[in-house]
PDB file of N, CA and C in Angstrom:
ATOM      1  N   MET A   1       2.321 -51.153  24.824  1.00  0.00           N
ATOM      2  CA  MET A   1       0.883 -50.769  25.619  1.00  0.00           C
ATOM      3  C   MET A   1       0.191 -50.153  24.551  1.00  0.00           C
ATOM      4  N   PRO A   2      -1.233 -50.742  24.473  1.00  0.00           N
ATOM      5  CA  PRO A   2      -2.224 -50.387  23.460  1.00  0.00           C
ATOM      6  C   PRO A   2      -2.673 -48.592  23.855  1.00  0.00           C
ATOM      7  N   ILE A   3      -3.105 -48.147  22.635  1.00  0.00           N
ATOM      8  CA  ILE A   3      -3.367 -46.696  22.978  1.00  0.00           C
ATOM      9  C   ILE A   3      -4.831 -46.614  23.278  1.00  0.00           C
ATOM     10  N   ARG A   4      -5.286 -46.020  24.446  1.00  0.00           N
ATOM     11  CA  ARG A   4      -6.401 -45.735  24.914  1.00  0.00           C
ATOM     12  C   ARG A   4      -6.880 -44.664  24.522  1.00  0.00           C
ATOM     13  N   THR A   5      -8.265 -44.548  24.288  1.00  0.00           N
ATOM     14  CA  THR A   5      -9.105 -43.386  24.292  1.00  0.00           C
ATOM     15  C   THR A   5      -9.223 -42.491  25.534  1.00  0.00           C
ATOM     16  N   PRO A   6      -9.353 -41.364  25.349  1.00  0.00           N
ATOM     17  CA  PRO A   6      -9.165 -40.295  26.801  1.00  0.00           C
ATOM     18  C   PRO A   6     -10.333 -40.974  27.742  1.00  0.00           C
ATOM     19  N   ARG A   7     -11.434 -41.465  27.312  1.00  0.00           N
ATOM     20  CA  ARG A   7     -12.491 -42.004  28.417  1.00  0.00           C
ATOM     21  C   ARG A   7     -11.793 -43.117  28.878  1.00  0.00           C
ATOM     22  N   GLU A   8     -11.379 -44.113  28.187  1.00  0.00           N
ATOM     23  CA  GLU A   8     -10.935 -45.438  28.944  1.00  0.00           C
ATOM     24  C   GLU A   8      -9.608 -44.958  29.586  1.00  0.00           C
ATOM     25  N   HIS A   9      -8.794 -43.904  29.296  1.00  0.00           N
ATOM     26  CA  HIS A   9      -7.732 -43.713  30.093  1.00  0.00           C
ATOM     27  C   HIS A   9      -8.031 -42.825  31.294  1.00  0.00           C
ATOM     28  N   SER A  10      -9.280 -41.852  31.243  1.00  0.00           N
ATOM     29  CA  SER A  10      -9.797 -41.552  32.645  1.00  0.00           C
ATOM     30  C   SER A  10     -10.245 -42.586  33.597  1.00  0.00           C
ATOM     31  N   ARG A  11     -10.748 -43.679  33.219  1.00  0.00           N
ATOM     32  CA  ARG A  11     -11.295 -44.536  34.116  1.00  0.00           C
ATOM     33  C   ARG A  11     -10.592 -45.134  35.151  1.00  0.00           C
ATOM     34  N   GLY A  12      -9.420 -45.378  34.924  1.00  0.00           N
ATOM     35  CA  GLY A  12      -8.417 -46.016  35.596  1.00  0.00           C
ATOM     36  C   GLY A  12      -7.771 -44.740  36.674  1.00  0.00           C
ATOM     37  N   LEU A  13      -7.968 -43.543  36.545  1.00  0.00           N
ATOM     38  CA  LEU A  13      -7.480 -42.507  37.237  1.00  0.00           C
ATOM     39  C   LEU A  13      -8.672 -42.088  38.553  1.00  0.00           C
ATOM     40  N   ARG A  14      -8.106 -41.623  39.501  1.00  0.00           N
ATOM     41  CA  ARG A  14      -9.008 -41.023  40.595  1.00  0.00           C
ATOM     42  C   ARG A  14      -8.931 -39.565  40.052  1.00  0.00           C
ATOM     43  N   ALA A  15     -10.287 -38.925  40.812  1.00  0.00           N
ATOM     44  CA  ALA A  15     -10.816 -37.472  40.357  1.00  0.00           C
ATOM     45  C   ALA A  15      -9.594 -36.692  40.214  1.00  0.00           C
ATOM     46  N   SER A  16      -8.572 -36.713  41.331  1.00  0.00           N
ATOM     47  CA  SER A  16      -7.508 -35.785  41.457  1.00  0.00           C
ATOM     48  C   SER A  16      -6.517 -35.928  40.462  1.00  0.00           C
ATOM     49  N   GLN A  17      -6.394 -37.171  39.949  1.00  0.00           N
ATOM     50  CA  GLN A  17      -5.501 -37.520  38.765  1.00  0.00           C
ATOM     51  C   GLN A  17      -6.021 -37.054  37.620  1.00  0.00           C
ATOM     52  N   ARG A  18      -7.347 -36.908  37.399  1.00  0.00           N
ATOM     53  CA  ARG A  18      -7.939 -36.808  36.128  1.00  0.00           C
ATOM     54  C   ARG A  18      -7.671 -35.374  35.375  1.00  0.00           C
ATOM     55  N   ARG A  19      -7.047 -34.334  36.398  1.00  0.00           N
ATOM     56  CA  ARG A  19      -6.965 -32.983  36.073  1.00  0.00           C
ATOM     57  C   ARG A  19      -5.766 -33.021  35.271  1.00  0.00           C
ATOM     58  N   THR A  20      -5.901 -32.269  34.142  1.00  0.00           N
ATOM     59  CA  THR A  20      -4.766 -31.818  33.484  1.00  0.00           C
ATOM     60  C   THR A  20      -4.756 -30.463  33.313  1.00  0.00           C
ATOM     61  N   GLY A  21      -4.040 -29.625  34.005  1.00  0.00           N
ATOM     62  CA  GLY A  21      -4.184 -28.215  34.076  1.00  0.00           C
ATOM     63  C   GLY A  21      -5.258 -28.000  34.664  1.00  0.00           C
ATOM     64  N   ALA A  22      -6.236 -27.155  33.754  1.00  0.00           N
ATOM     65  CA  ALA A  22      -7.608 -26.747  34.183  1.00  0.00           C
ATOM     66  C   ALA A  22      -8.610 -27.603  33.552  1.00  0.00           C
ATOM     67  N   VAL A  23      -8.363 -28.478  32.603  1.00  0.00           N
ATOM     68  CA  VAL A  23      -9.189 -29.100  31.770  1.00  0.00           C
ATOM     69  C   VAL A  23      -9.124 -30.918  32.012  1.00  0.00           C
ATOM     70  N   THR A  24     -10.256 -31.337  32.212  1.00  0.00           N
ATOM     71  CA  THR A  24     -10.130 -32.832  32.474  1.00  0.00           C
ATOM     72  C   THR A  24     -10.092 -33.473  30.923  1.00  0.00           C
ATOM     73  N   VAL A  25      -9.847 -34.591  31.130  1.00  0.00           N
ATOM     74  CA  VAL A  25      -9.370 -35.630  29.591  1.00  0.00           C
ATOM     75  C   VAL A  25     -10.739 -35.443  29.122  1.00  0.00           C
ATOM     76  N   GLU A  26     -11.878 -35.687  29.814  1.00  0.00           N
ATOM     77  CA  GLU A  26     -13.388 -35.564  29.112  1.00  0.00           C
ATOM     78  C   GLU A  26     -13.525 -34.404  28.261  1.00  0.00           C
ATOM     79  N   GLU A  27     -13.258 -33.321  29.024  1.00  0.00           N
ATOM     80  CA  GLU A  27     -13.576 -31.914  28.499  1.00  0.00           C
ATOM     81  C   GLU A  27     -12.628 -31.711  27.284  1.00  0.00           C
ATOM     82  N   ALA A  28     -11.506 -32.333  27.085  1.00  0.00           N
ATOM     83  CA  ALA A  28     -10.541 -32.247  26.008  1.00  0.00           C
ATOM     84  C   ALA A  28     -11.116 -32.874  24.894  1.00  0.00           C
ATOM     85  N   ALA A  29     -11.757 -34.178  25.130  1.00  0.00           N
ATOM     86  CA  ALA A  29     -12.186 -35.118  24.067  1.00  0.00           C
ATOM     87  C   ALA A  29     -13.416 -34.439  23.605  1.00  0.00           C
ATOM     88  N   GLN A  30     -14.215 -33.766  24.297  1.00  0.00           N
ATOM     89  CA  GLN A  30     -15.586 -33.164  23.912  1.00  0.00           C
ATOM     90  C   GLN A  30     -15.100 -31.886  23.060  1.00  0.00           C
ATOM     91  N   VAL A  31     -14.104 -31.031  23.535  1.00  0.00           N
ATOM     92  CA  VAL A  31     -13.538 -30.055  22.449  1.00  0.00           C
ATOM     93  C   VAL A  31     -13.112 -30.588  21.082  1.00  0.00           C
ATOM     94  N   THR A  32     -12.108 -31.694  21.288  1.00  0.00           N
ATOM     95  CA  THR A  32     -11.769 -32.039  19.934  1.00  0.00           C
ATOM     96  C   THR A  32     -12.887 -32.719  19.056  1.00  0.00           C
ATOM     97  N   ARG A  33     -14.230 -33.199  19.819  1.00  0.00           N
ATOM     98  CA  ARG A  33     -15.228 -33.717  18.962  1.00  0.00           C
ATOM     99  C   ARG A  33     -15.903 -32.566  18.251  1.00  0.00           C
ATOM    100  N   ARG A  34     -15.997 -31.549  19.210  1.00  0.00           N
ATOM    101  CA  ARG A  34     -16.731 -30.308  18.561  1.00  0.00           C
ATOM    102  C   ARG A  34     -15.834 -29.682  17.524  1.00  0.00           C
ATOM    103  N   GLY A  35     -14.564 -29.626  17.688  1.00  0.00           N
ATOM    104  CA  GLY A  35     -13.672 -29.093  16.502  1.00  0.00           C
ATOM    105  C   GLY A  35     -14.143 -30.057  15.134  1.00  0.00           C
ATOM    106  N   GLU A  36     -13.945 -31.376  15.359  1.00  0.00           N
ATOM    107  CA  GLU A  36     -14.195 -32.232  14.361  1.00  0.00           C
ATOM    108  C   GLU A  36     -15.396 -31.847  13.299  1.00  0.00           C
ATOM    109  N   THR A  37     -16.535 -31.727  14.245  1.00  0.00           N
ATOM    110  CA  THR A  37     -17.682 -31.550  13.433  1.00  0.00           C
ATOM    111  C   THR A  37     -17.876 -30.132  12.561  1.00  0.00           C
ATOM    112  N   LEU A  38     -17.004 -29.203  13.309  1.00  0.00           N
ATOM    113  CA  LEU A  38     -17.223 -27.921  12.768  1.00  0.00           C
ATOM    114  C   LEU A  38     -16.132 -27.592  11.751  1.00  0.00           C
ATOM    115  N   LEU A  39     -15.153 -28.320  11.556  1.00  0.00           N
ATOM    116  CA  LEU A  39     -14.119 -28.383  10.502  1.00  0.00           C
ATOM    117  C   LEU A  39     -14.734 -28.553   9.095  1.00  0.00           C
ATOM    118  N   PRO A  40     -15.581 -29.524   8.802  1.00  0.00           N
ATOM    119  CA  PRO A  40     -16.027 -29.669   7.409  1.00  0.00           C
ATOM    120  C   PRO A  40     -16.887 -28.596   7.231  1.00  0.00           C
ATOM    121  N   TRP A  41     -17.551 -28.193   8.087  1.00  0.00           N
ATOM    122  CA  TRP A  41     -18.608 -27.073   7.744  1.00  0.00           C
ATOM    123  C   TRP A  41     -17.698 -25.635   7.507  1.00  0.00           C
ATOM    124  N   LEU A  42     -16.814 -25.545   8.084  1.00  0.00           N
ATOM    125  CA  LEU A  42     -15.814 -24.407   7.853  1.00  0.00           C
ATOM    126  C   LEU A  42     -15.116 -24.626   6.461  1.00  0.00           C
ATOM    127  N   PHE A  43     -14.722 -25.668   6.139  1.00  0.00           N
ATOM    128  CA  PHE A  43     -14.171 -26.027   4.796  1.00  0.00           C
ATOM    129  C   PHE A  43     -15.057 -25.604   3.597  1.00  0.00           C
ATOM    130  N   GLY A  44     -16.468 -26.296   3.799  1.00  0.00           N
ATOM    131  CA  GLY A  44     -17.548 -26.070   2.652  1.00  0.00           C
ATOM    132  C   GLY A  44     -17.752 -24.279   2.701  1.00  0.00           C
ATOM    133  N   LEU A  45     -17.857 -23.694   3.908  1.00  0.00           N
ATOM    134  CA  LEU A  45     -17.859 -22.317   3.801  1.00  0.00           C
ATOM    135  C   LEU A  45     -17.069 -21.564   2.965  1.00  0.00           C
ATOM    136  N   THR A  46     -15.722 -22.035   3.233  1.00  0.00           N
ATOM    137  CA  THR A  46     -14.677 -21.122   2.701  1.00  0.00           C
ATOM    138  C   THR A  46     -14.446 -21.512   1.189  1.00  0.00           C
ATOM    139  N   ALA A  47     -15.040 -22.773   0.666  1.00  0.00           N
ATOM    140  CA  ALA A  47     -15.012 -23.103  -0.746  1.00  0.00           C
ATOM    141  C   ALA A  47     -16.047 -22.505  -1.362  1.00  0.00           C
ATOM    142  N   PHE A  48     -17.364 -22.224  -0.884  1.00  0.00           N
ATOM    143  CA  PHE A  48     -18.373 -21.538  -1.199  1.00  0.00           C
ATOM    144  C   PHE A  48     -18.137 -20.163  -1.266  1.00  0.00           C
ATOM    145  N   LEU A  49     -17.365 -19.391  -0.628  1.00  0.00           N
ATOM    146  CA  LEU A  49     -17.232 -17.957  -0.372  1.00  0.00           C
ATOM    147  C   LEU A  49     -16.307 -17.890  -1.639  1.00  0.00           C
ATOM    148  N   GLY A  50     -14.963 -18.629  -1.836  1.00  0.00           N
ATOM    149  CA  GLY A  50     -14.075 -18.657  -2.933  1.00  0.00           C
ATOM    150  C   GLY A  50     -14.694 -18.464  -4.154  1.00  0.00           C
ATOM    151  N   ALA A  51     -15.654 -19.511  -4.435  1.00  0.00           N
ATOM    152  CA  ALA A  51     -16.310 -19.628  -5.760  1.00  0.00           C
ATOM    153  C   ALA A  51     -17.469 -18.626  -6.180  1.00  0.00           C
ATOM    154  N   ALA A  52     -17.861 -18.151  -4.947  1.00  0.00           N
ATOM    155  CA  ALA A  52     -18.842 -16.808  -5.132  1.00  0.00           C
ATOM    156  C   ALA A  52     -17.881 -15.617  -5.585  1.00  0.00           C
ATOM    157  N   LEU A  53     -16.913 -15.289  -4.824  1.00  0.00           N
ATOM    158  CA  LEU A  53     -15.885 -14.394  -5.372  1.00  0.00           C
ATOM    159  C   LEU A  53     -15.301 -14.465  -6.729  1.00  0.00           C
ATOM    160  N   VAL A  54     -15.183 -15.519  -7.157  1.00  0.00           N
ATOM    161  CA  VAL A  54     -14.582 -15.778  -8.510  1.00  0.00           C
ATOM    162  C   VAL A  54     -15.737 -15.484  -9.404  1.00  0.00           C
ATOM    163  N   PHE A  55     -17.026 -15.874  -9.302  1.00  0.00           N
ATOM    164  CA  PHE A  55     -18.061 -15.643  -9.840  1.00  0.00           C
ATOM    165  C   PHE A  55     -18.390 -13.921  -9.881  1.00  0.00           C
ATOM    166  N   MET A  56     -18.433 -13.296  -8.847  1.00  0.00           N
ATOM    167  CA  MET A  56     -18.653 -11.992  -8.844  1.00  0.00           C
ATOM    168  C   MET A  56     -17.469 -11.292  -9.802  1.00  0.00           C
ATOM    169  N   VAL A  57     -16.256 -11.494  -9.534  1.00  0.00           N
ATOM    170  CA  VAL A  57     -15.148 -10.989 -10.352  1.00  0.00           C
ATOM    171  C   VAL A  57     -15.435 -11.173 -11.893  1.00  0.00           C
ATOM    172  N   GLN A  58     -15.936 -12.657 -12.215  1.00  0.00           N
ATOM    173  CA  GLN A  58     -16.084 -12.658 -13.554  1.00  0.00           C
ATOM    174  C   GLN A  58     -17.087 -11.663 -14.101  1.00  0.00           C
ATOM    175  N   LEU A  59     -18.195 -11.372 -13.253  1.00  0.00           N
ATOM    176  CA  LEU A  59     -19.080 -10.413 -13.854  1.00  0.00           C
ATOM    177  C   LEU A  59     -18.594  -9.044 -14.021  1.00  0.00           C
ATOM    178  N   ILE A  60     -17.978  -8.480 -12.972  1.00  0.00           N
ATOM    179  CA  ILE A  60     -17.257  -7.531 -13.074  1.00  0.00           C
ATOM    180  C   ILE A  60     -16.474  -7.251 -14.257  1.00  0.00           C
ATOM    181  N   VAL A  61     -15.395  -8.068 -14.428  1.00  0.00           N
ATOM    182  CA  VAL A  61     -14.526  -8.113 -15.789  1.00  0.00           C
ATOM    183  C   VAL A  61     -15.353  -8.036 -17.165  1.00  0.00           C
ATOM    184  N   GLY A  62     -16.524  -9.009 -17.084  1.00  0.00           N
ATOM    185  CA  GLY A  62     -17.352  -9.095 -18.270  1.00  0.00           C
ATOM    186  C   GLY A  62     -18.113  -7.629 -18.454  1.00  0.00           C
ATOM    187  N   LYS A  63     -18.487  -7.143 -17.607  1.00  0.00           N
ATOM    188  CA  LYS A  63     -19.148  -5.812 -17.777  1.00  0.00           C
ATOM    189  C   LYS A  63     -18.192  -4.759 -18.348  1.00  0.00           C
ATOM    190  N   MET A  64     -16.826  -4.976 -17.654  1.00  0.00           N
ATOM    191  CA  MET A  64     -15.977  -3.930 -18.063  1.00  0.00           C
ATOM    192  C   MET A  64     -15.511  -4.081 -19.419  1.00  0.00           C
ATOM    193  N   LEU A  65     -15.409  -5.295 -20.021  1.00  0.00           N
ATOM    194  CA  LEU A  65     -14.775  -5.751 -21.261  1.00  0.00           C
ATOM    195  C   LEU A  65     -16.128  -5.342 -22.434  1.00  0.00           C
ATOM    196  N   LEU A  66     -17.233  -5.430 -21.908  1.00  0.00           N
ATOM    197  CA  LEU A  66     -18.240  -5.538 -23.043  1.00  0.00           C
ATOM    198  C   LEU A  66     -18.274  -4.155 -23.745  1.00  0.00           C
ATOM    199  N   PRO A  67     -18.413  -3.034 -23.178  1.00  0.00           N
ATOM    200  CA  PRO A  67     -18.366  -1.754 -23.972  1.00  0.00           C
ATOM    201  C   PRO A  67     -17.217  -1.539 -24.682  1.00  0.00           C
ATOM    202  N   LEU A  68     -15.981  -1.987 -24.252  1.00  0.00           N
ATOM    203  CA  LEU A  68     -14.678  -1.850 -24.828  1.00  0.00           C
ATOM    204  C   LEU A  68     -14.587  -2.589 -26.362  1.00  0.00           C
ATOM    205  N   LEU A  69     -15.287  -3.754 -26.299  1.00  0.00           N
ATOM    206  CA  LEU A  69     -15.112  -4.560 -27.487  1.00  0.00           C
ATOM    207  C   LEU A  69     -16.215  -4.628 -28.270  1.00  0.00           C
ATOM    208  N   GLY A  70     -17.270  -3.877 -28.067  1.00  0.00           N
ATOM    209  CA  GLY A  70     -18.194  -3.831 -28.910  1.00  0.00           C
ATOM    210  C   GLY A  70     -19.788  -4.454 -28.132  1.00  0.00           C
ATOM    211  N   GLY A  71     -19.650  -4.865 -27.014  1.00  0.00           N
ATOM    212  CA  GLY A  71     -20.685  -5.487 -26.403  1.00  0.00           C
ATOM    213  C   GLY A  71     -21.328  -6.690 -27.289  1.00  0.00           C
ATOM    214  N   THR A  72     -20.737  -7.548 -28.007  1.00  0.00           N
ATOM    215  CA  THR A  72     -21.502  -8.652 -28.668  1.00  0.00           C
ATOM    216  C   THR A  72     -21.353  -9.794 -27.605  1.00  0.00           C
ATOM    217  N   PRO A  73     -22.177 -10.790 -27.873  1.00  0.00           N
ATOM    218  CA  PRO A  73     -22.436 -11.848 -27.160  1.00  0.00           C
ATOM    219  C   PRO A  73     -21.188 -12.684 -27.164  1.00  0.00           C
ATOM    220  N   ALA A  74     -20.313 -12.421 -28.443  1.00  0.00           N
ATOM    221  CA  ALA A  74     -19.034 -13.280 -28.344  1.00  0.00           C
ATOM    222  C   ALA A  74     -18.008 -13.018 -27.058  1.00  0.00           C
ATOM    223  N   VAL A  75     -18.072 -11.773 -26.706  1.00  0.00           N
ATOM    224  CA  VAL A  75     -17.346 -11.038 -25.602  1.00  0.00           C
ATOM    225  C   VAL A  75     -17.707 -11.707 -24.484  1.00  0.00           C
ATOM    226  N   TRP A  76     -19.070 -11.905 -24.075  1.00  0.00           N
ATOM    227  CA  TRP A  76     -19.349 -12.491 -22.714  1.00  0.00           C
ATOM    228  C   TRP A  76     -19.203 -14.063 -23.035  1.00  0.00           C
ATOM    229  N   ASN A  77     -19.436 -14.602 -24.077  1.00  0.00           N
ATOM    230  CA  ASN A  77     -19.156 -16.081 -24.106  1.00  0.00           C
ATOM    231  C   ASN A  77     -17.568 -16.027 -23.666  1.00  0.00           C
ATOM    232  N   THR A  78     -16.615 -15.342 -24.267  1.00  0.00           N
ATOM    233  CA  THR A  78     -15.305 -15.817 -24.346  1.00  0.00           C
ATOM    234  C   THR A  78     -14.754 -15.392 -22.752  1.00  0.00           C
ATOM    235  N   CYS A  79     -15.538 -14.441 -22.126  1.00  0.00           N
ATOM    236  CA  CYS A  79     -15.304 -14.168 -20.669  1.00  0.00           C
ATOM    237  C   CYS A  79     -15.714 -15.474 -19.796  1.00  0.00           C
ATOM    238  N   MET A  80     -16.835 -15.963 -20.082  1.00  0.00           N
ATOM    239  CA  MET A  80     -17.428 -17.091 -19.405  1.00  0.00           C
ATOM    240  C   MET A  80     -16.459 -18.421 -19.670  1.00  0.00           C
ATOM    241  N   VAL A  81     -15.852 -18.423 -21.053  1.00  0.00           N
ATOM    242  CA  VAL A  81     -15.167 -19.834 -20.953  1.00  0.00           C
ATOM    243  C   VAL A  81     -13.805 -19.465 -20.540  1.00  0.00           C
ATOM    244  N   PHE A  82     -13.061 -18.423 -20.489  1.00  0.00           N
ATOM    245  CA  PHE A  82     -11.953 -18.028 -19.647  1.00  0.00           C
ATOM    246  C   PHE A  82     -11.774 -18.433 -18.318  1.00  0.00           C
ATOM    247  N   PHE A  83     -12.918 -17.675 -17.473  1.00  0.00           N
ATOM    248  CA  PHE A  83     -12.995 -18.046 -16.169  1.00  0.00           C
ATOM    249  C   PHE A  83     -13.514 -19.287 -15.856  1.00  0.00           C
ATOM    250  N   GLN A  84     -14.136 -19.943 -16.588  1.00  0.00           N
ATOM    251  CA  GLN A  84     -14.392 -21.620 -16.198  1.00  0.00           C
ATOM    252  C   GLN A  84     -13.343 -22.227 -16.593  1.00  0.00           C
ATOM    253  N   THR A  85     -12.446 -21.772 -17.333  1.00  0.00           N
ATOM    254  CA  THR A  85     -11.182 -22.525 -17.640  1.00  0.00           C
ATOM    255  C   THR A  85     -10.095 -22.480 -16.781  1.00  0.00           C
ATOM    256  N   LEU A  86     -10.152 -21.040 -16.124  1.00  0.00           N
ATOM    257  CA  LEU A  86      -9.202 -20.758 -14.645  1.00  0.00           C
ATOM    258  C   LEU A  86      -9.576 -21.545 -13.644  1.00  0.00           C
ATOM    259  N   LEU A  87     -10.994 -21.776 -13.691  1.00  0.00           N
ATOM    260  CA  LEU A  87     -11.387 -22.320 -12.343  1.00  0.00           C
ATOM    261  C   LEU A  87     -11.347 -23.939 -12.201  1.00  0.00           C
ATOM    262  N   MET A  88     -11.392 -24.548 -13.623  1.00  0.00           N
ATOM    263  CA  MET A  88     -10.816 -25.909 -13.801  1.00  0.00           C
ATOM    264  C   MET A  88      -9.158 -25.979 -13.729  1.00  0.00           C
ATOM    265  N   ALA A  89      -8.412 -24.987 -14.076  1.00  0.00           N
ATOM    266  CA  ALA A  89      -6.837 -25.140 -13.821  1.00  0.00           C
ATOM    267  C   ALA A  89      -6.906 -25.072 -12.299  1.00  0.00           C
ATOM    268  N   GLY A  90      -7.503 -24.445 -11.629  1.00  0.00           N
ATOM    269  CA  GLY A  90      -7.125 -24.072 -10.130  1.00  0.00           C
ATOM    270  C   GLY A  90      -7.621 -25.503  -9.495  1.00  0.00           C
ATOM    271  N   TYR A  91      -8.841 -26.363  -9.846  1.00  0.00           N
ATOM    272  CA  TYR A  91      -8.910 -27.591  -9.424  1.00  0.00           C
ATOM    273  C   TYR A  91      -7.900 -28.420  -9.684  1.00  0.00           C
ATOM    274  N   LEU A  92      -7.511 -28.528 -10.692  1.00  0.00           N
ATOM    275  CA  LEU A  92      -6.252 -29.494 -11.202  1.00  0.00           C
ATOM    276  C   LEU A  92      -4.956 -29.317 -10.371  1.00  0.00           C
ATOM    277  N   TYR A  93      -4.781 -27.676 -10.435  1.00  0.00           N
ATOM    278  CA  TYR A  93      -3.518 -27.449  -9.355  1.00  0.00           C
ATOM    279  C   TYR A  93      -3.687 -27.877  -7.810  1.00  0.00           C
ATOM    280  N   ALA A  94      -5.138 -27.690  -7.378  1.00  0.00           N
ATOM    281  CA  ALA A  94      -5.142 -28.301  -5.960  1.00  0.00           C
ATOM    282  C   ALA A  94      -4.861 -29.854  -6.061  1.00  0.00           C
ATOM    283  N   HIS A  95      -5.741 -30.828  -6.888  1.00  0.00           N
ATOM    284  CA  HIS A  95      -5.488 -32.158  -7.092  1.00  0.00           C
ATOM    285  C   HIS A  95      -4.185 -32.444  -7.138  1.00  0.00           C
ATOM    286  N   VAL A  96      -3.309 -31.907  -8.026  1.00  0.00           N
ATOM    287  CA  VAL A  96      -2.005 -32.266  -8.519  1.00  0.00           C
ATOM    288  C   VAL A  96      -0.912 -32.063  -7.086  1.00  0.00           C
ATOM    289  N   SER A  97      -1.307 -30.817  -6.583  1.00  0.00           N
ATOM    290  CA  SER A  97      -0.344 -30.498  -5.572  1.00  0.00           C
ATOM    291  C   SER A  97      -0.666 -31.262  -4.465  1.00  0.00           C
ATOM    292  N   THR A  98      -1.848 -31.639  -3.966  1.00  0.00           N
ATOM    293  CA  THR A  98      -1.901 -32.538  -2.776  1.00  0.00           C
ATOM    294  C   THR A  98      -1.877 -34.034  -3.079  1.00  0.00           C
ATOM    295  N   THR A  99      -1.742 -34.313  -4.280  1.00  0.00           N
ATOM    296  CA  THR A  99      -1.674 -35.973  -4.580  1.00  0.00           C
ATOM    297  C   THR A  99      -0.315 -36.194  -4.855  1.00  0.00           C
ATOM    298  N   TRP A 100       0.579 -35.475  -5.539  1.00  0.00           N
ATOM    299  CA  TRP A 100       1.885 -35.684  -5.712  1.00  0.00           C
ATOM    300  C   TRP A 100       3.028 -35.104  -5.143  1.00  0.00           C
ATOM    301  N   ILE A 101       2.606 -33.958  -4.519  1.00  0.00           N
ATOM    302  CA  ILE A 101       3.733 -33.153  -4.071  1.00  0.00           C
ATOM    303  C   ILE A 101       3.569 -33.367  -2.503  1.00  0.00           C
ATOM    304  N   PRO A 102       4.980 -33.448  -1.799  1.00  0.00           N
ATOM    305  CA  PRO A 102       4.932 -33.733  -0.473  1.00  0.00           C
ATOM    306  C   PRO A 102       4.409 -32.244   0.462  1.00  0.00           C
ATOM    307  N   VAL A 103       4.014 -32.402   1.777  1.00  0.00           N
ATOM    308  CA  VAL A 103       3.433 -31.427   2.124  1.00  0.00           C
ATOM    309  C   VAL A 103       4.759 -29.998   2.509  1.00  0.00           C
ATOM    310  N   ARG A 104       5.966 -30.501   2.443  1.00  0.00           N
ATOM    311  CA  ARG A 104       7.010 -29.197   2.787  1.00  0.00           C
ATOM    312  C   ARG A 104       7.085 -28.617   1.408  1.00  0.00           C
ATOM    313  N   ARG A 105       6.992 -29.578   0.324  1.00  0.00           N
ATOM    314  CA  ARG A 105       7.280 -28.813  -1.008  1.00  0.00           C
ATOM    315  C   ARG A 105       5.980 -27.934  -1.393  1.00  0.00           C
ATOM    316  N   GLN A 106       4.872 -28.267  -0.901  1.00  0.00           N
ATOM    317  CA  GLN A 106       3.581 -27.807  -1.189  1.00  0.00           C
ATOM    318  C   GLN A 106       3.538 -26.399  -0.498  1.00  0.00           C
ATOM    319  N   VAL A 107       4.085 -26.317   0.761  1.00  0.00           N
ATOM    320  CA  VAL A 107       4.367 -25.001   1.501  1.00  0.00           C
ATOM    321  C   VAL A 107       5.343 -24.073   0.758  1.00  0.00           C
ATOM    322  N   LEU A 108       6.359 -24.734   0.344  1.00  0.00           N
ATOM    323  CA  LEU A 108       7.287 -23.667  -0.548  1.00  0.00           C
ATOM    324  C   LEU A 108       6.589 -23.198  -1.815  1.00  0.00           C
ATOM    325  N   LEU A 109       5.858 -24.120  -2.678  1.00  0.00           N
ATOM    326  CA  LEU A 109       5.117 -23.728  -3.795  1.00  0.00           C
ATOM    327  C   LEU A 109       4.145 -22.676  -3.545  1.00  0.00           C
ATOM    328  N   HIS A 110       3.404 -23.009  -2.510  1.00  0.00           N
ATOM    329  CA  HIS A 110       2.276 -22.075  -2.297  1.00  0.00           C
ATOM    330  C   HIS A 110       2.679 -20.498  -1.781  1.00  0.00           C
ATOM    331  N   ALA A 111       3.922 -20.549  -1.123  1.00  0.00           N
ATOM    332  CA  ALA A 111       4.603 -19.397  -0.646  1.00  0.00           C
ATOM    333  C   ALA A 111       5.127 -18.542  -1.913  1.00  0.00           C
ATOM    334  N   GLY A 112       5.809 -19.410  -2.758  1.00  0.00           N
ATOM    335  CA  GLY A 112       6.601 -18.759  -3.845  1.00  0.00           C
ATOM    336  C   GLY A 112       5.561 -18.253  -5.099  1.00  0.00           C
ATOM    337  N   LEU A 113       4.193 -18.964  -5.101  1.00  0.00           N
ATOM    338  CA  LEU A 113       3.141 -18.527  -6.135  1.00  0.00           C
ATOM    339  C   LEU A 113       2.714 -17.153  -5.456  1.00  0.00           C
ATOM    340  N   LEU A 114       2.474 -17.225  -3.960  1.00  0.00           N
ATOM    341  CA  LEU A 114       1.963 -16.136  -3.246  1.00  0.00           C
ATOM    342  C   LEU A 114       2.885 -14.647  -3.458  1.00  0.00           C
ATOM    343  N   LEU A 115       4.107 -15.038  -3.267  1.00  0.00           N
ATOM    344  CA  LEU A 115       5.146 -14.118  -3.382  1.00  0.00           C
ATOM    345  C   LEU A 115       5.230 -13.434  -4.740  1.00  0.00           C
ATOM    346  N   ALA A 116       5.118 -14.378  -5.780  1.00  0.00           N
ATOM    347  CA  ALA A 116       4.981 -13.972  -7.291  1.00  0.00           C
ATOM    348  C   ALA A 116       3.706 -12.944  -7.620  1.00  0.00           C
ATOM    349  N   ALA A 117       2.484 -13.475  -6.955  1.00  0.00           N
ATOM    350  CA  ALA A 117       1.412 -12.866  -7.057  1.00  0.00           C
ATOM    351  C   ALA A 117       1.580 -11.520  -6.581  1.00  0.00           C
ATOM    352  N   CYS A 118       2.240 -11.195  -5.291  1.00  0.00           N
ATOM    353  CA  CYS A 118       2.213 -10.110  -4.736  1.00  0.00           C
ATOM    354  C   CYS A 118       3.376  -9.106  -5.461  1.00  0.00           C
ATOM    355  N   SER A 119       4.155  -9.643  -5.893  1.00  0.00           N
ATOM    356  CA  SER A 119       5.382  -8.827  -6.604  1.00  0.00           C
ATOM    357  C   SER A 119       4.920  -8.168  -7.994  1.00  0.00           C
ATOM    358  N   THR A 120       3.576  -8.720  -8.479  1.00  0.00           N
ATOM    359  CA  THR A 120       3.257  -7.951  -9.967  1.00  0.00           C
ATOM    360  C   THR A 120       2.378  -7.040  -9.668  1.00  0.00           C
TER     361      THR A 120
END
């Protein structure tokens, strides 16, 4: 039996049969389509906020270290290189974990890293 879309499926049903609980098949399809268009924006917003937080922490740590280590430009440059390297390492971790590690092991890996971070 071929797979039919919700619209094709509902065409062959009477109005009384189209109801699945309190939501029609068409209504469920519209909600799914709305969710599909909202999800990329939500991912983009999350990535943007994460990057903004990293750069805010970078500035705070840099301002804390500058007076302690003499306030030279080398301290600021070292701080910039360190955080940029951490950012690239994070991107590499995300790429490697999603490309080569199965989903179940990803969950275990992320949970283990989260527990290790919380325990320190």
